[in-house]
Protein backbone atom coordinates (compact mmCIF):
# COMPACT_ATOMS: atom_id res chain seq x y z
CA MET A 1 3.15 0.80 -3.39
CA LEU A 2 2.28 -1.98 -0.96
CA LYS A 3 4.15 -2.78 2.24
CA ILE A 4 4.87 -6.35 3.36
CA SER A 5 3.06 -5.63 6.63
CA GLU A 6 -0.07 -4.81 4.60
CA LEU A 7 0.23 -8.11 2.71
CA GLN A 8 0.60 -10.03 5.99
CA ALA A 9 -2.75 -8.69 7.22
CA LYS A 10 -4.68 -10.06 4.22
CA ASP A 11 -6.30 -13.50 4.07
CA ILE A 12 -5.03 -15.70 1.25
CA VAL A 13 -7.89 -17.48 -0.52
CA ASN A 14 -7.75 -20.24 -3.16
CA ILE A 15 -10.16 -19.29 -5.95
CA GLU A 16 -10.34 -22.93 -7.07
CA ASN A 17 -12.46 -23.88 -4.05
CA GLY A 18 -12.96 -20.69 -1.99
CA LYS A 19 -10.92 -22.02 0.96
CA ARG A 20 -8.90 -19.70 3.17
CA LEU A 21 -5.27 -20.84 3.10
CA GLY A 22 -3.95 -18.57 5.84
CA HIS A 23 -1.80 -15.46 6.06
CA LEU A 24 1.49 -14.55 4.46
CA GLY A 25 4.42 -15.86 6.49
CA ASP A 26 7.30 -14.95 4.19
CA ILE A 27 8.20 -14.04 0.63
CA ASP A 28 10.76 -15.51 -1.76
CA ILE A 29 12.68 -12.75 -3.55
CA ASN A 30 14.92 -13.25 -6.57
CA LEU A 31 18.02 -11.27 -5.56
CA SER A 32 19.21 -10.89 -9.17
CA SER A 33 16.02 -9.31 -10.47
CA GLY A 34 14.60 -7.90 -7.23
CA GLN A 35 11.22 -9.46 -8.02
CA ILE A 36 9.04 -11.58 -5.74
CA ASP A 37 9.12 -15.21 -6.90
CA ALA A 38 6.64 -16.69 -4.40
CA LEU A 39 4.52 -16.15 -1.32
CA ILE A 40 5.03 -18.54 1.58
CA ILE A 41 2.12 -19.39 3.87
CA ASN A 42 2.89 -20.87 7.27
CA GLY A 43 0.87 -24.02 7.89
CA THR A 44 -1.61 -24.01 10.73
CA GLY A 45 -3.44 -27.30 10.34
CA LYS A 46 -3.20 -30.83 9.06
CA MET A 47 -4.03 -29.73 5.52
CA MET A 48 -0.79 -27.77 5.38
CA SER A 49 1.36 -30.58 6.82
CA PHE A 50 0.85 -32.47 3.55
CA PHE A 51 3.04 -30.00 1.67
CA SER A 52 6.30 -30.03 3.56
CA LYS A 53 8.03 -30.94 6.77
CA GLU A 54 8.05 -27.30 7.76
CA ASP A 55 4.28 -26.99 7.19
CA GLU A 56 4.71 -24.27 4.56
CA LEU A 57 2.77 -23.73 1.37
CA VAL A 58 4.76 -22.00 -1.38
CA ILE A 59 2.64 -20.19 -3.94
CA PRO A 60 4.49 -19.04 -7.08
CA TRP A 61 3.94 -15.41 -8.04
CA ALA A 62 2.37 -16.56 -11.34
CA ASN A 63 -0.46 -18.19 -9.31
CA ILE A 64 -1.54 -14.91 -7.72
CA GLU A 65 -4.71 -13.76 -9.46
CA LYS A 66 -5.51 -10.57 -7.53
CA ILE A 67 -4.36 -8.62 -4.50
CA GLY A 68 -7.44 -6.92 -3.13
CA SER A 69 -8.13 -4.66 -0.19
CA ASP A 70 -9.07 -7.56 2.13
CA CYS A 71 -7.55 -10.68 0.60
CA ILE A 72 -5.12 -12.16 -1.88
CA LEU A 73 -6.71 -14.48 -4.44
CA VAL A 74 -4.52 -17.34 -5.62
CA ARG A 75 -5.05 -20.31 -7.92
CA VAL A 76 -3.83 -23.60 -6.44
CA ALA A 77 -5.47 -26.63 -8.08
CA ASP A 78 -3.72 -29.54 -6.30
CA LEU A 79 -4.84 -28.91 -2.74
CA GLU A 80 -6.46 -31.88 -1.04
CA GLU A 81 -8.62 -31.51 2.03
């Protein structure tokens, strides 16, 4: 079992380009199924401001490739620098 606090300590890295996206800010949970639908990364720079007014990047659970001991690997192809 993995605690949310443990997830928040991990770097989130896009395996498409090796860039660090940030840390977990929140999670989106489907209340009907009890499953996590997405991870939400709080924006910290101008790259993130492209995605929303709130500077958040929402990564669907299907885009998570691996949760490792140090980082979470995700696949996000549309990111522009």
